[in-house]
């Protein structure tokens, strides 16, 4: 009988420990872990300028020019992203229609393609402007960085590198 009582005490102790740890975890996330809203996928814009200084080797003048380019780029990309999102909603909204013609599907796909093309072109011209800020050795580093960004797995695009916490990867 004392073995059962001892096992019950042990189980009660484990349950109490788990309960306290769960409550502590909840309190941490709900009360004590206040996150500031940070622009650009969880990274402040200054972090990207610092990243370019470190990785590409920008000097102060280049960094200031890049910061201006980057801020304008982010602001304009918000509008383009919204256009792509709306076009996707329209396109996939066609799924709800019982009868839909192939021409309506092609027309919606064409609108989505045009918005996506505008988005990609804007990115291309932005990187071209950034590249014009670089000297020859920096251009090689920038080209390598762009290739790394392009060759990331699809599931990783649009996210920062959580392990290394480096912008642009």
N, C-alpha and C. Protein backbone atom coordinates (compact mmCIF):
# COMPACT_ATOMS: atom_id res chain seq x y z
N UNK A 1 0.81 -1.19 0.00
CA UNK A 1 0.00 0.00 0.00
C UNK A 1 0.86 1.26 0.00
N UNK A 2 1.99 1.20 0.68
CA UNK A 2 2.85 2.39 0.73
C UNK A 2 3.48 2.67 -0.62
N UNK A 3 3.68 1.64 -1.47
CA UNK A 3 4.21 1.85 -2.82
C UNK A 3 3.24 2.62 -3.69
N UNK A 4 1.96 2.32 -3.56
CA UNK A 4 0.92 3.03 -4.32
C UNK A 4 0.85 4.48 -3.86
N UNK A 5 0.93 4.68 -2.54
CA UNK A 5 0.88 6.03 -2.00
C UNK A 5 2.07 6.86 -2.46
N UNK A 6 3.25 6.23 -2.51
CA UNK A 6 4.47 6.91 -2.95
C UNK A 6 4.35 7.26 -4.43
N UNK A 7 3.82 6.34 -5.27
CA UNK A 7 3.63 6.61 -6.70
C UNK A 7 2.63 7.74 -6.92
N UNK A 8 1.59 7.78 -6.11
CA UNK A 8 0.58 8.83 -6.20
C UNK A 8 1.20 10.18 -5.84
N UNK A 9 2.03 10.20 -4.81
CA UNK A 9 2.71 11.46 -4.44
C UNK A 9 3.62 11.93 -5.57
N UNK A 10 4.32 10.99 -6.19
CA UNK A 10 5.22 11.33 -7.29
C UNK A 10 4.42 11.88 -8.47
N UNK A 11 3.31 11.25 -8.80
CA UNK A 11 2.47 11.72 -9.89
C UNK A 11 1.90 13.10 -9.59
N UNK A 12 1.44 13.32 -8.39
CA UNK A 12 0.91 14.63 -8.00
C UNK A 12 2.00 15.71 -8.08
N UNK A 13 3.20 15.37 -7.67
CA UNK A 13 4.32 16.31 -7.76
C UNK A 13 4.63 16.65 -9.22
N UNK A 14 4.66 15.64 -10.09
CA UNK A 14 4.90 15.88 -11.51
C UNK A 14 3.80 16.74 -12.14
N UNK A 15 2.56 16.46 -11.77
CA UNK A 15 1.43 17.25 -12.29
C UNK A 15 1.55 18.70 -11.82
N UNK A 16 1.92 18.90 -10.57
CA UNK A 16 2.08 20.26 -10.04
C UNK A 16 3.20 21.00 -10.77
N UNK A 17 4.31 20.31 -11.01
CA UNK A 17 5.44 20.94 -11.73
C UNK A 17 5.01 21.31 -13.14
N UNK A 18 4.32 20.42 -13.83
CA UNK A 18 3.86 20.71 -15.19
C UNK A 18 2.86 21.87 -15.20
N UNK A 19 1.98 21.89 -14.23
CA UNK A 19 1.00 22.97 -14.15
C UNK A 19 1.68 24.31 -13.94
N UNK A 20 2.62 24.36 -13.02
CA UNK A 20 3.36 25.61 -12.76
C UNK A 20 4.16 26.03 -13.98
N UNK A 21 4.80 25.09 -14.67
CA UNK A 21 5.59 25.45 -15.85
C UNK A 21 4.69 25.94 -16.98
N UNK A 22 3.53 25.33 -17.17
CA UNK A 22 2.59 25.79 -18.20
C UNK A 22 2.07 27.19 -17.89
N UNK A 23 1.72 27.45 -16.65
CA UNK A 23 1.24 28.77 -16.26
C UNK A 23 2.36 29.81 -16.44
N UNK A 24 3.58 29.44 -16.08
CA UNK A 24 4.72 30.35 -16.26
C UNK A 24 4.94 30.68 -17.73
N UNK A 25 4.86 29.67 -18.57
CA UNK A 25 5.04 29.87 -20.00
C UNK A 25 3.95 30.78 -20.56
N UNK A 26 2.72 30.56 -20.17
CA UNK A 26 1.62 31.43 -20.61
C UNK A 26 1.83 32.87 -20.16
N UNK A 27 2.21 33.05 -18.91
CA UNK A 27 2.48 34.40 -18.42
C UNK A 27 3.60 35.07 -19.20
N UNK A 28 4.63 34.32 -19.48
CA UNK A 28 5.75 34.87 -20.24
C UNK A 28 5.29 35.39 -21.59
N UNK A 29 4.54 34.58 -22.33
CA UNK A 29 4.13 34.97 -23.67
C UNK A 29 3.03 36.03 -23.66
N UNK A 30 2.16 36.00 -22.68
CA UNK A 30 1.04 36.94 -22.68
C UNK A 30 1.35 38.25 -21.97
N UNK A 31 2.18 38.23 -20.95
CA UNK A 31 2.39 39.43 -20.15
C UNK A 31 3.78 40.02 -20.31
N UNK A 32 4.79 39.19 -20.17
CA UNK A 32 6.14 39.71 -20.08
C UNK A 32 6.86 39.84 -21.41
N UNK A 33 6.41 39.17 -22.43
CA UNK A 33 7.11 39.15 -23.71
C UNK A 33 6.47 40.15 -24.66
N UNK A 34 6.68 41.43 -24.44
CA UNK A 34 6.11 42.49 -25.28
C UNK A 34 7.03 42.72 -26.47
N UNK A 35 6.49 42.47 -27.68
CA UNK A 35 7.25 42.70 -28.90
C UNK A 35 6.83 44.02 -29.51
N UNK A 36 7.81 44.82 -29.92
CA UNK A 36 7.50 46.04 -30.65
C UNK A 36 7.20 45.66 -32.09
N UNK A 37 6.30 46.39 -32.70
CA UNK A 37 6.00 46.15 -34.11
C UNK A 37 7.16 46.72 -34.91
N UNK A 38 7.81 45.85 -35.65
CA UNK A 38 8.98 46.25 -36.43
C UNK A 38 8.64 46.09 -37.90
N UNK A 39 9.03 47.05 -38.71
CA UNK A 39 8.75 46.99 -40.13
C UNK A 39 9.65 45.98 -40.82
N UNK A 40 9.24 45.60 -42.03
CA UNK A 40 10.06 44.79 -42.92
C UNK A 40 10.35 43.40 -42.37
N UNK A 41 9.28 42.64 -42.18
CA UNK A 41 9.38 41.24 -41.77
C UNK A 41 10.15 41.05 -40.48
N UNK A 42 9.89 41.87 -39.50
CA UNK A 42 10.50 41.66 -38.19
C UNK A 42 11.87 42.27 -38.03
N UNK A 43 12.37 42.97 -39.02
CA UNK A 43 13.68 43.59 -38.89
C UNK A 43 13.53 45.09 -39.10
N UNK A 44 14.18 45.89 -38.27
CA UNK A 44 14.13 47.33 -38.51
C UNK A 44 14.88 47.66 -39.80
N UNK A 45 14.46 48.72 -40.45
CA UNK A 45 15.10 49.10 -41.71
C UNK A 45 16.59 49.39 -41.54
N UNK A 46 16.96 49.88 -40.36
CA UNK A 46 18.39 50.17 -40.12
C UNK A 46 19.22 48.90 -40.13
N UNK A 47 18.63 47.77 -39.76
CA UNK A 47 19.37 46.51 -39.75
C UNK A 47 19.79 46.14 -41.17
N UNK A 48 18.98 46.46 -42.15
CA UNK A 48 19.32 46.14 -43.53
C UNK A 48 20.47 47.04 -44.00
N UNK A 49 20.45 48.29 -43.58
CA UNK A 49 21.55 49.19 -43.92
C UNK A 49 22.85 48.67 -43.28
N UNK A 50 22.76 48.28 -42.02
CA UNK A 50 23.94 47.73 -41.34
C UNK A 50 24.42 46.44 -42.00
N UNK A 51 23.47 45.61 -42.42
CA UNK A 51 23.80 44.37 -43.11
C UNK A 51 24.57 44.67 -44.40
N UNK A 52 24.09 45.65 -45.16
CA UNK A 52 24.77 46.00 -46.42
C UNK A 52 26.16 46.57 -46.16
N UNK A 53 26.30 47.32 -45.08
CA UNK A 53 27.63 47.83 -44.70
C UNK A 53 28.58 46.66 -44.44
N UNK A 54 28.08 45.70 -43.69
CA UNK A 54 28.92 44.57 -43.29
C UNK A 54 29.19 43.61 -44.44
N UNK A 55 28.14 43.19 -45.13
CA UNK A 55 28.27 42.16 -46.17
C UNK A 55 28.84 42.69 -47.48
N UNK A 56 28.40 43.85 -47.90
CA UNK A 56 28.83 44.40 -49.19
C UNK A 56 30.02 45.33 -49.00
N UNK A 57 30.11 45.95 -47.83
CA UNK A 57 31.22 46.87 -47.57
C UNK A 57 30.88 48.31 -47.91
N UNK A 58 29.63 48.69 -47.76
CA UNK A 58 29.23 50.07 -48.04
C UNK A 58 29.90 51.03 -47.07
N UNK A 59 30.32 52.18 -47.60
CA UNK A 59 30.80 53.25 -46.74
C UNK A 59 29.60 54.08 -46.28
N UNK A 60 29.84 55.15 -45.54
CA UNK A 60 28.74 55.95 -45.00
C UNK A 60 27.88 56.58 -46.09
N UNK A 61 28.53 57.12 -47.11
CA UNK A 61 27.77 57.75 -48.20
C UNK A 61 26.90 56.71 -48.93
N UNK A 62 27.49 55.56 -49.23
CA UNK A 62 26.73 54.50 -49.88
C UNK A 62 25.58 54.03 -48.99
N UNK A 63 25.85 53.92 -47.70
CA UNK A 63 24.82 53.48 -46.75
C UNK A 63 23.65 54.46 -46.72
N UNK A 64 23.94 55.74 -46.71
CA UNK A 64 22.88 56.75 -46.71
C UNK A 64 22.07 56.70 -48.00
N UNK A 65 22.75 56.55 -49.12
CA UNK A 65 22.05 56.44 -50.40
C UNK A 65 21.20 55.17 -50.45
N UNK A 66 21.77 54.07 -49.95
CA UNK A 66 21.03 52.81 -49.93
C UNK A 66 19.80 52.92 -49.03
N UNK A 67 19.95 53.58 -47.89
CA UNK A 67 18.81 53.71 -46.97
C UNK A 67 17.66 54.44 -47.66
N UNK A 68 17.97 55.51 -48.38
CA UNK A 68 16.93 56.25 -49.10
C UNK A 68 16.28 55.37 -50.17
N UNK A 69 17.11 54.66 -50.93
CA UNK A 69 16.58 53.75 -51.95
C UNK A 69 15.69 52.68 -51.33
N UNK A 70 16.17 52.11 -50.25
CA UNK A 70 15.45 51.02 -49.60
C UNK A 70 14.10 51.49 -49.06
N UNK A 71 14.08 52.64 -48.42
CA UNK A 71 12.82 53.15 -47.87
C UNK A 71 11.80 53.41 -48.98
N UNK A 72 12.25 54.01 -50.08
CA UNK A 72 11.34 54.25 -51.21
C UNK A 72 10.86 52.93 -51.79
N UNK A 73 11.77 51.97 -51.87
CA UNK A 73 11.44 50.66 -52.43
C UNK A 73 10.37 49.95 -51.58
N UNK A 74 10.57 49.94 -50.28
CA UNK A 74 9.62 49.27 -49.38
C UNK A 74 8.25 49.92 -49.50
N UNK A 75 8.21 51.23 -49.52
CA UNK A 75 6.93 51.92 -49.61
C UNK A 75 6.20 51.60 -50.92
N UNK A 76 6.93 51.59 -52.02
CA UNK A 76 6.28 51.30 -53.30
C UNK A 76 5.92 49.81 -53.44
N UNK A 77 6.70 48.94 -52.81
CA UNK A 77 6.40 47.51 -52.88
C UNK A 77 5.13 47.15 -52.12
N UNK A 78 4.79 47.94 -51.12
CA UNK A 78 3.54 47.68 -50.38
C UNK A 78 2.35 47.78 -51.33
N UNK A 79 2.33 48.81 -52.16
CA UNK A 79 1.24 48.98 -53.10
C UNK A 79 1.23 47.85 -54.14
N UNK A 80 2.39 47.52 -54.67
CA UNK A 80 2.47 46.44 -55.65
C UNK A 80 2.06 45.09 -55.04
N UNK A 81 2.47 44.85 -53.81
CA UNK A 81 2.09 43.60 -53.13
C UNK A 81 0.58 43.53 -52.94
N UNK A 82 0.00 44.66 -52.61
CA UNK A 82 -1.45 44.71 -52.43
C UNK A 82 -2.16 44.42 -53.75
N UNK A 83 -1.63 44.95 -54.86
CA UNK A 83 -2.22 44.68 -56.17
C UNK A 83 -2.15 43.19 -56.51
N UNK A 84 -1.02 42.56 -56.23
CA UNK A 84 -0.87 41.12 -56.50
C UNK A 84 -1.84 40.33 -55.62
N UNK A 85 -1.96 40.72 -54.36
CA UNK A 85 -2.87 40.02 -53.46
C UNK A 85 -4.32 40.12 -53.95
N UNK A 86 -4.72 41.31 -54.37
CA UNK A 86 -6.08 41.50 -54.88
C UNK A 86 -6.31 40.67 -56.15
N UNK A 87 -5.31 40.64 -57.02
CA UNK A 87 -5.45 39.86 -58.26
C UNK A 87 -5.56 38.38 -57.96
N UNK A 88 -4.82 37.90 -56.95
CA UNK A 88 -4.92 36.49 -56.56
C UNK A 88 -6.29 36.18 -55.96
N UNK A 89 -6.79 37.10 -55.15
CA UNK A 89 -8.12 36.90 -54.58
C UNK A 89 -9.17 36.83 -55.67
N UNK A 90 -9.05 37.70 -56.65
CA UNK A 90 -9.99 37.68 -57.78
C UNK A 90 -9.87 36.37 -58.55
N UNK A 91 -8.65 35.98 -58.84
CA UNK A 91 -8.39 34.77 -59.62
C UNK A 91 -8.94 33.53 -58.91
N UNK A 92 -8.56 33.35 -57.65
CA UNK A 92 -9.01 32.17 -56.93
C UNK A 92 -10.46 32.30 -56.46
N UNK A 93 -10.99 33.51 -56.50
CA UNK A 93 -12.41 33.69 -56.22
C UNK A 93 -13.28 33.05 -57.29
N UNK A 94 -12.70 32.85 -58.46
CA UNK A 94 -13.43 32.18 -59.54
C UNK A 94 -13.80 30.74 -59.18
N UNK A 95 -13.09 30.16 -58.24
CA UNK A 95 -13.38 28.79 -57.81
C UNK A 95 -14.80 28.67 -57.24
N UNK A 96 -15.31 29.76 -56.68
CA UNK A 96 -16.63 29.72 -56.06
C UNK A 96 -17.77 29.73 -57.09
N UNK A 97 -17.43 30.08 -58.31
CA UNK A 97 -18.47 30.14 -59.34
C UNK A 97 -18.70 28.74 -59.92
N UNK A 98 -19.97 28.40 -60.05
CA UNK A 98 -20.31 27.08 -60.57
C UNK A 98 -19.92 26.95 -62.04
N UNK A 99 -20.29 27.93 -62.83
CA UNK A 99 -19.98 27.89 -64.26
C UNK A 99 -19.07 29.06 -64.58
N UNK A 100 -17.93 28.74 -65.14
CA UNK A 100 -16.95 29.78 -65.49
C UNK A 100 -16.34 29.41 -66.83
N UNK A 101 -16.14 30.40 -67.66
CA UNK A 101 -15.58 30.14 -68.99
C UNK A 101 -14.06 30.14 -68.92
N UNK A 102 -13.46 29.45 -69.86
CA UNK A 102 -12.00 29.44 -69.94
C UNK A 102 -11.46 30.84 -70.20
N UNK A 103 -12.17 31.63 -70.97
CA UNK A 103 -11.70 32.99 -71.27
C UNK A 103 -11.70 33.86 -70.00
N UNK A 104 -12.65 33.66 -69.10
CA UNK A 104 -12.67 34.41 -67.84
C UNK A 104 -11.49 34.00 -66.96
N UNK A 105 -11.18 32.71 -66.96
CA UNK A 105 -10.03 32.22 -66.19
C UNK A 105 -8.74 32.79 -66.76
N UNK A 106 -8.61 32.75 -68.09
CA UNK A 106 -7.40 33.30 -68.73
C UNK A 106 -7.28 34.80 -68.48
N UNK A 107 -8.39 35.53 -68.52
CA UNK A 107 -8.35 36.98 -68.30
C UNK A 107 -7.90 37.29 -66.86
N UNK A 108 -8.43 36.56 -65.89
CA UNK A 108 -8.03 36.78 -64.50
C UNK A 108 -6.56 36.40 -64.30
N UNK A 109 -6.14 35.33 -64.94
CA UNK A 109 -4.73 34.91 -64.85
C UNK A 109 -3.82 35.95 -65.49
N UNK A 110 -4.27 36.55 -66.59
CA UNK A 110 -3.48 37.58 -67.26
C UNK A 110 -3.33 38.81 -66.37
N UNK A 111 -4.41 39.21 -65.68
CA UNK A 111 -4.33 40.36 -64.76
C UNK A 111 -3.35 40.06 -63.63
N UNK A 112 -3.44 38.85 -63.09
CA UNK A 112 -2.51 38.45 -62.03
C UNK A 112 -1.08 38.46 -62.55
N UNK A 113 -0.86 37.95 -63.74
CA UNK A 113 0.48 37.91 -64.33
C UNK A 113 1.04 39.31 -64.51
N UNK A 114 0.20 40.24 -64.96
CA UNK A 114 0.67 41.61 -65.15
C UNK A 114 1.06 42.26 -63.83
N UNK A 115 0.26 42.04 -62.78
CA UNK A 115 0.60 42.60 -61.47
C UNK A 115 1.86 41.97 -60.91
N UNK A 116 2.00 40.66 -61.09
CA UNK A 116 3.20 39.96 -60.62
C UNK A 116 4.42 40.44 -61.40
N UNK A 117 4.27 40.64 -62.70
CA UNK A 117 5.38 41.14 -63.53
C UNK A 117 5.80 42.54 -63.08
N UNK A 118 4.84 43.41 -62.75
CA UNK A 118 5.17 44.75 -62.26
C UNK A 118 5.94 44.66 -60.95
N UNK A 119 5.53 43.74 -60.08
CA UNK A 119 6.20 43.51 -58.80
C UNK A 119 7.65 43.09 -59.03
N UNK A 120 7.85 42.10 -59.89
CA UNK A 120 9.19 41.59 -60.16
C UNK A 120 10.06 42.62 -60.86
N UNK A 121 9.49 43.37 -61.79
CA UNK A 121 10.26 44.40 -62.49
C UNK A 121 10.72 45.48 -61.52
N UNK A 122 9.83 45.85 -60.61
CA UNK A 122 10.20 46.87 -59.62
C UNK A 122 11.38 46.38 -58.78
N UNK A 123 11.33 45.12 -58.37
CA UNK A 123 12.46 44.54 -57.62
C UNK A 123 13.74 44.58 -58.45
N UNK A 124 13.64 44.21 -59.72
CA UNK A 124 14.81 44.20 -60.59
C UNK A 124 15.43 45.59 -60.67
N UNK A 125 14.62 46.59 -60.93
CA UNK A 125 15.15 47.95 -61.05
C UNK A 125 15.71 48.47 -59.73
N UNK A 126 15.12 48.04 -58.63
CA UNK A 126 15.67 48.43 -57.33
C UNK A 126 17.09 47.87 -57.16
N UNK A 127 17.25 46.58 -57.45
CA UNK A 127 18.59 45.99 -57.30
C UNK A 127 19.57 46.58 -58.31
N UNK A 128 19.09 46.97 -59.45
CA UNK A 128 19.95 47.63 -60.42
C UNK A 128 20.44 48.98 -59.87
N UNK A 129 19.54 49.72 -59.21
CA UNK A 129 19.94 50.99 -58.59
C UNK A 129 20.94 50.75 -57.45
N UNK A 130 20.68 49.72 -56.65
CA UNK A 130 21.60 49.40 -55.55
C UNK A 130 22.96 49.02 -56.13
N UNK A 131 22.95 48.27 -57.20
CA UNK A 131 24.21 47.85 -57.84
C UNK A 131 24.99 49.05 -58.35
N UNK A 132 24.27 50.10 -58.81
CA UNK A 132 24.95 51.30 -59.31
C UNK A 132 25.67 52.05 -58.20
N UNK A 133 25.30 51.80 -56.94
CA UNK A 133 25.99 52.42 -55.81
C UNK A 133 27.33 51.74 -55.52
N UNK A 134 27.51 50.53 -56.02
CA UNK A 134 28.65 49.69 -55.66
C UNK A 134 29.87 49.95 -56.53
N UNK A 135 31.06 49.74 -55.93
CA UNK A 135 32.28 49.69 -56.74
C UNK A 135 32.41 48.27 -57.29
N UNK A 136 33.46 48.00 -58.06
CA UNK A 136 33.56 46.71 -58.74
C UNK A 136 33.59 45.52 -57.78
N UNK A 137 34.34 45.60 -56.68
CA UNK A 137 34.40 44.47 -55.75
C UNK A 137 33.08 44.30 -55.01
N UNK A 138 32.39 45.39 -54.75
CA UNK A 138 31.09 45.31 -54.08
C UNK A 138 30.03 44.71 -55.01
N UNK A 139 30.16 44.98 -56.31
CA UNK A 139 29.20 44.42 -57.27
C UNK A 139 29.25 42.89 -57.25
N UNK A 140 30.45 42.33 -57.13
CA UNK A 140 30.59 40.88 -57.06
C UNK A 140 29.88 40.35 -55.81
N UNK A 141 30.07 41.03 -54.68
CA UNK A 141 29.43 40.61 -53.43
C UNK A 141 27.91 40.73 -53.53
N UNK A 142 27.44 41.83 -54.13
CA UNK A 142 26.00 42.01 -54.28
C UNK A 142 25.41 40.94 -55.20
N UNK A 143 26.09 40.67 -56.31
CA UNK A 143 25.61 39.64 -57.24
C UNK A 143 25.51 38.28 -56.54
N UNK A 144 26.49 37.97 -55.71
CA UNK A 144 26.47 36.71 -54.96
C UNK A 144 25.30 36.68 -54.00
N UNK A 145 25.07 37.80 -53.32
CA UNK A 145 23.96 37.87 -52.37
C UNK A 145 22.61 37.71 -53.09
N UNK A 146 22.46 38.35 -54.25
CA UNK A 146 21.21 38.24 -55.02
C UNK A 146 21.01 36.80 -55.47
N UNK A 147 22.08 36.15 -55.92
CA UNK A 147 21.98 34.75 -56.33
C UNK A 147 21.56 33.86 -55.16
N UNK A 148 22.09 34.12 -53.98
CA UNK A 148 21.69 33.35 -52.79
C UNK A 148 20.21 33.54 -52.51
N UNK A 149 19.74 34.79 -52.65
CA UNK A 149 18.32 35.07 -52.40
C UNK A 149 17.44 34.33 -53.40
N UNK A 150 17.85 34.34 -54.65
CA UNK A 150 17.06 33.68 -55.70
C UNK A 150 17.04 32.17 -55.52
N UNK A 151 18.15 31.61 -55.08
CA UNK A 151 18.28 30.16 -54.97
C UNK A 151 17.81 29.58 -53.65
N UNK A 152 17.25 30.43 -52.76
CA UNK A 152 16.69 29.89 -51.53
C UNK A 152 15.54 28.96 -51.88
N UNK A 153 15.31 27.95 -51.06
CA UNK A 153 14.14 27.09 -51.30
C UNK A 153 12.87 27.92 -51.24
N UNK A 154 11.88 27.52 -52.02
CA UNK A 154 10.62 28.27 -52.11
C UNK A 154 9.98 28.50 -50.74
N UNK A 155 10.03 27.50 -49.87
CA UNK A 155 9.40 27.62 -48.56
C UNK A 155 10.09 28.63 -47.66
N UNK A 156 11.31 29.02 -48.00
CA UNK A 156 12.05 29.97 -47.17
C UNK A 156 11.92 31.40 -47.67
N UNK A 157 11.41 31.59 -48.87
CA UNK A 157 11.30 32.94 -49.40
C UNK A 157 10.32 33.74 -48.59
N UNK A 158 10.65 35.02 -48.42
CA UNK A 158 9.77 35.89 -47.66
C UNK A 158 10.00 35.81 -46.17
N UNK A 159 10.99 35.06 -45.74
CA UNK A 159 11.32 34.96 -44.33
C UNK A 159 12.78 35.31 -44.14
N UNK A 160 13.08 35.83 -42.96
CA UNK A 160 14.47 36.04 -42.61
C UNK A 160 15.08 34.71 -42.23
N UNK A 161 16.39 34.65 -42.14
CA UNK A 161 17.05 33.43 -41.71
C UNK A 161 17.03 33.41 -40.19
N UNK A 162 16.17 32.60 -39.62
CA UNK A 162 15.98 32.61 -38.18
C UNK A 162 17.24 32.18 -37.44
N UNK A 163 18.00 31.27 -38.03
CA UNK A 163 19.20 30.80 -37.33
C UNK A 163 20.28 31.86 -37.30
N UNK A 164 20.48 32.53 -38.41
CA UNK A 164 21.55 33.50 -38.46
C UNK A 164 21.04 34.92 -38.28
N UNK A 165 19.73 35.14 -38.44
CA UNK A 165 19.09 36.43 -38.28
C UNK A 165 19.76 37.51 -39.13
N UNK A 166 20.03 37.15 -40.39
CA UNK A 166 20.63 38.10 -41.33
C UNK A 166 19.59 38.53 -42.33
N UNK A 167 19.40 39.85 -42.52
CA UNK A 167 18.47 40.30 -43.55
C UNK A 167 18.98 39.92 -44.92
N UNK A 168 18.04 39.70 -45.83
CA UNK A 168 18.42 39.47 -47.22
C UNK A 168 18.80 38.05 -47.56
N UNK A 169 18.70 37.12 -46.62
CA UNK A 169 19.04 35.72 -46.93
C UNK A 169 17.81 34.91 -47.06
